[in-house]
Protein backbone atom coordinates (compact mmCIF):
# COMPACT_ATOMS: atom_id res chain seq x y z
CA MET A 1 254.49 190.02 31.86
CA ARG A 2 250.90 189.03 31.14
CA LYS A 3 251.99 187.22 28.00
CA LYS A 4 254.55 185.18 29.98
CA ALA A 5 251.93 184.29 32.59
CA PHE A 6 249.50 183.21 29.88
CA LEU A 7 252.12 181.03 28.17
CA ALA A 8 253.00 179.45 31.51
CA ALA A 9 249.33 178.64 32.13
CA VAL A 10 249.07 177.09 28.66
CA ALA A 11 252.11 174.93 29.36
CA VAL A 12 250.64 173.69 32.65
CA LEU A 13 247.32 172.80 31.03
CA MET A 14 248.97 171.05 28.11
CA ALA A 15 251.08 169.01 30.51
CA ALA A 16 247.90 167.93 32.29
CA ALA A 17 246.30 166.57 29.12
CA PRO A 18 246.99 162.94 28.19
CA VAL A 19 249.25 162.29 25.22
CA TYR A 20 247.35 159.18 24.18
CA ALA A 21 243.72 158.26 24.70
CA ALA A 22 243.22 154.72 26.03
CA PRO A 23 240.20 152.40 25.98
CA SER A 24 238.11 151.85 29.07
CA VAL A 25 236.95 148.38 30.11
CA ASN A 26 233.84 148.85 27.94
CA GLY A 27 235.88 149.70 24.83
CA SER A 28 235.29 153.42 24.36
CA THR A 29 238.28 155.67 25.06
CA GLY A 30 237.96 156.89 28.62
CA LEU A 31 238.77 156.00 32.20
CA ILE A 32 237.82 152.78 34.00
CA ASN A 33 234.12 152.25 33.29
CA THR A 34 233.20 155.62 31.77
CA PRO A 35 233.98 157.42 28.50
CA SER A 36 235.73 160.75 28.10
CA ALA A 37 235.30 163.39 25.40
CA ASP A 38 238.58 162.23 23.85
CA VAL A 39 238.60 160.45 20.51
CA LEU A 40 241.51 158.87 18.70
CA GLN A 41 243.14 160.90 15.97
CA GLU A 42 242.30 159.90 12.41
CA GLY A 43 244.20 156.73 11.52
CA GLN A 44 244.99 155.79 15.14
CA PHE A 45 243.93 152.54 16.79
CA SER A 46 243.93 151.11 20.31
CA LEU A 47 244.07 147.57 21.63
CA GLY A 48 243.00 146.73 25.17
CA TYR A 49 242.85 143.73 27.47
CA HIS A 50 241.39 143.71 30.99
CA HIS A 51 241.36 140.83 33.44
CA LEU A 52 238.28 141.14 35.65
CA GLU A 53 237.17 139.13 38.66
CA GLU A 54 234.32 137.62 36.61
CA GLY A 55 236.24 137.04 33.36
CA ASN A 56 238.15 138.90 30.66
CA ALA A 57 237.48 141.80 28.29
CA GLY A 58 239.26 142.64 25.05
CA SER A 59 238.76 145.72 22.89
CA PHE A 60 239.75 147.21 19.56
CA VAL A 61 239.13 150.90 18.80
CA PHE A 62 240.05 152.85 15.67
CA SER A 63 239.41 156.19 14.01
CA PRO A 64 238.44 155.85 10.32
CA ALA A 65 237.77 159.59 9.93
CA LYS A 66 238.45 162.85 11.70
CA LYS A 67 236.51 163.21 14.99
CA LEU A 68 235.02 159.70 14.66
CA GLU A 69 235.87 156.65 16.74
CA LEU A 70 234.52 153.13 16.27
CA GLY A 71 235.20 150.12 18.43
CA VAL A 72 234.28 146.69 19.65
CA ALA A 73 234.65 145.11 23.09
CA GLY A 74 234.22 141.42 23.86
CA PHE A 75 233.44 140.09 27.34
CA ARG A 76 234.17 136.44 28.05
CA TYR A 77 232.89 135.48 31.48
CA ASP A 78 233.92 132.57 33.70
CA SER A 79 231.48 129.67 33.79
CA ASP A 80 230.74 130.17 37.47
CA SER A 81 229.72 133.82 36.97
CA ASN A 82 226.35 132.77 35.48
CA ARG A 83 226.68 135.46 32.78
CA ASP A 84 226.52 135.05 29.02
CA ASN A 85 229.42 136.26 26.89
CA GLN A 86 228.74 139.65 25.28
CA THR A 87 230.09 141.82 22.47
CA TYR A 88 229.69 145.60 22.46
CA PHE A 89 229.86 147.71 19.32
CA ASN A 90 230.62 151.35 20.16
CA ALA A 91 230.83 154.69 18.38
CA LYS A 92 231.89 158.17 19.51
CA TYR A 93 231.96 161.53 17.74
CA SER A 94 233.79 164.65 18.88
CA LEU A 95 231.58 167.74 18.70
CA VAL A 96 234.04 170.29 20.11
CA PRO A 97 237.78 169.78 20.72
CA GLU A 98 239.23 170.68 24.10
CA THR A 99 241.10 173.99 24.26
CA VAL A 100 243.03 175.78 26.98
CA VAL A 101 239.88 177.54 28.20
CA THR A 102 236.97 175.33 27.05
CA PRO A 103 236.17 171.63 27.56
CA GLY A 104 235.97 169.06 24.83
CA LEU A 105 232.53 167.65 24.06
CA ALA A 106 231.59 164.32 22.50
CA ILE A 107 228.53 162.15 21.98
CA GLY A 108 228.51 158.39 21.70
CA VAL A 109 226.73 155.08 21.98
CA GLU A 110 227.91 151.85 23.59
CA ASP A 111 226.53 148.36 22.99
CA ILE A 112 224.78 149.39 19.77
CA GLY A 113 223.39 145.86 19.36
CA GLY A 114 221.78 145.92 22.79
CA GLU A 115 223.30 142.68 24.08
CA ASP A 116 223.33 144.16 27.58
CA LYS A 117 222.20 147.81 27.75
CA ARG A 118 222.34 150.05 24.69
CA THR A 119 223.62 153.35 26.09
CA PHE A 120 223.63 156.83 24.56
CA TYR A 121 225.74 159.50 26.26
CA ALA A 122 227.29 162.94 26.05
CA ALA A 123 230.65 163.60 27.73
CA ALA A 124 232.79 166.63 28.51
CA SER A 125 236.50 166.66 29.44
CA LYS A 126 238.73 169.49 30.67
CA ALA A 127 242.36 169.63 31.75
CA LEU A 128 243.00 171.61 34.92
CA PRO A 129 246.21 172.95 36.47
CA PHE A 130 248.63 170.74 38.39
CA GLY A 131 247.93 167.55 36.44
CA PHE A 132 244.22 167.25 37.19
CA ARG A 133 241.60 166.48 34.55
CA LEU A 134 237.82 166.41 35.01
CA HIS A 135 235.31 164.40 33.00
CA ALA A 136 231.53 164.49 33.32
CA GLY A 137 228.56 163.40 31.29
CA VAL A 138 224.97 162.23 31.10
CA GLY A 139 223.60 159.05 29.61
CA ASP A 140 220.82 156.50 29.69
CA GLY A 141 221.12 152.72 29.85
CA ARG A 142 224.16 151.67 31.84
CA TYR A 143 224.93 155.20 33.09
CA ASP A 144 221.35 155.86 34.23
CA GLY A 145 221.86 159.62 34.58
CA VAL A 146 225.07 161.41 35.50
CA PHE A 147 228.59 159.98 35.44
CA ALA A 148 231.83 161.76 36.37
CA SER A 149 235.51 161.13 36.98
CA LEU A 150 238.60 162.95 38.17
CA GLU A 151 242.16 162.02 37.26
CA LYS A 152 245.46 163.29 38.55
CA THR A 153 248.68 162.70 36.64
CA PHE A 154 252.03 162.60 38.39
CA ASN A 155 254.80 163.53 35.97
CA PRO A 156 258.08 161.59 36.18
CA VAL A 157 260.19 164.74 35.95
CA GLY A 158 262.63 164.71 38.84
CA VAL A 159 261.51 161.30 40.11
CA ILE A 160 264.37 158.91 39.42
CA THR A 161 264.80 155.29 40.46
CA GLY A 162 268.33 154.19 39.66
CA SER A 163 268.93 155.14 36.03
CA ASN A 164 265.25 154.96 34.99
CA ALA A 165 262.56 157.61 35.30
CA PHE A 166 259.49 156.46 37.20
CA PRO A 167 256.62 156.13 34.67
CA ALA A 168 254.00 158.86 34.48
CA THR A 169 251.12 157.66 36.67
CA THR A 170 247.50 158.76 36.58
CA LEU A 171 245.22 158.14 39.56
CA ILE A 172 241.52 157.86 38.75
CA ALA A 173 238.30 158.11 40.77
CA GLU A 174 234.98 157.80 38.95
CA TRP A 175 231.24 157.49 39.48
CA ASP A 176 229.80 155.37 36.65
CA GLY A 177 226.15 156.02 37.40
CA ASP A 178 225.95 153.06 39.76
CA ARG A 179 229.12 152.76 41.84
CA MET A 180 232.47 154.35 42.59
CA ASN A 181 235.56 152.93 40.88
CA TYR A 182 239.22 153.64 41.62
CA GLY A 183 242.34 152.91 39.61
CA ALA A 184 245.82 153.83 38.42
CA ARG A 185 247.14 154.07 34.86
CA LEU A 186 250.90 153.83 34.25
CA SER A 187 252.41 155.05 30.98
CA VAL A 188 255.24 152.58 30.48
CA VAL A 189 256.34 153.78 27.03
CA PRO A 190 254.53 156.08 24.56
CA GLY A 191 251.18 154.47 23.79
CA LEU A 192 251.55 151.53 26.20
CA LYS A 193 249.68 151.74 29.52
CA ILE A 194 249.10 149.41 32.45
CA ASP A 195 245.83 149.80 34.38
CA ALA A 196 244.90 148.39 37.77
CA GLY A 197 242.37 149.14 40.50
CA TRP A 198 238.89 148.45 41.85
CA ARG A 199 235.84 148.27 39.59
CA HIS A 200 232.48 147.54 41.18
CA SER A 201 234.30 146.59 44.39
CA GLU A 202 236.41 143.98 42.57
CA THR A 203 240.00 144.16 41.39
CA TYR A 204 240.98 144.47 37.73
CA ILE A 205 244.19 144.79 35.76
CA GLY A 206 244.61 145.81 32.14
CA LEU A 207 247.04 146.51 29.35
CA THR A 208 246.33 148.94 26.50
CA TYR A 209 248.28 150.09 23.48
CA THR A 210 247.51 153.07 21.25
CA TYR A 211 249.27 153.70 17.97
């Protein structure tokens, strides 16, 4: 009986964990404006595009070796935003993988070249029952202390619209060290996600693909 209960708990937690990591607006795999402890698997890559109120952001992230993730994010701002275009070079390394009972841990740096704010951070991520997942970390620079986020995934099982299953949808709320951000991430097909929400009190929409 105990074994069955344990296996059921494992199944619930595995269902809560994302199948594919996806880049945040700033390029590192994560949520909206904050990183997670997730890293791409060796040989994987992600492409991302986000339309922001003040301009556009594009990112490319790849894993050249086990536990290591490298990426670049380019910000191209509208002329009336009075901001210079910027390019972030990012790196993240997984220290401890997430398990059923322990969180994953990773360290990373964003904007290595210091075009805006070079930021070092440590992040932890843990899947919880019922589709919830918690992320928290500390960092300097842009994060200025503690950052945290909570996501809740709604599985499409049993939710049918016509002949098509409604896509798995993840709702996100995060504190990025400065403000609260809110968004939704829809898994259209394996690896392809649509993001939309409010970042720094302004709307955004994005499209990411992980292979």
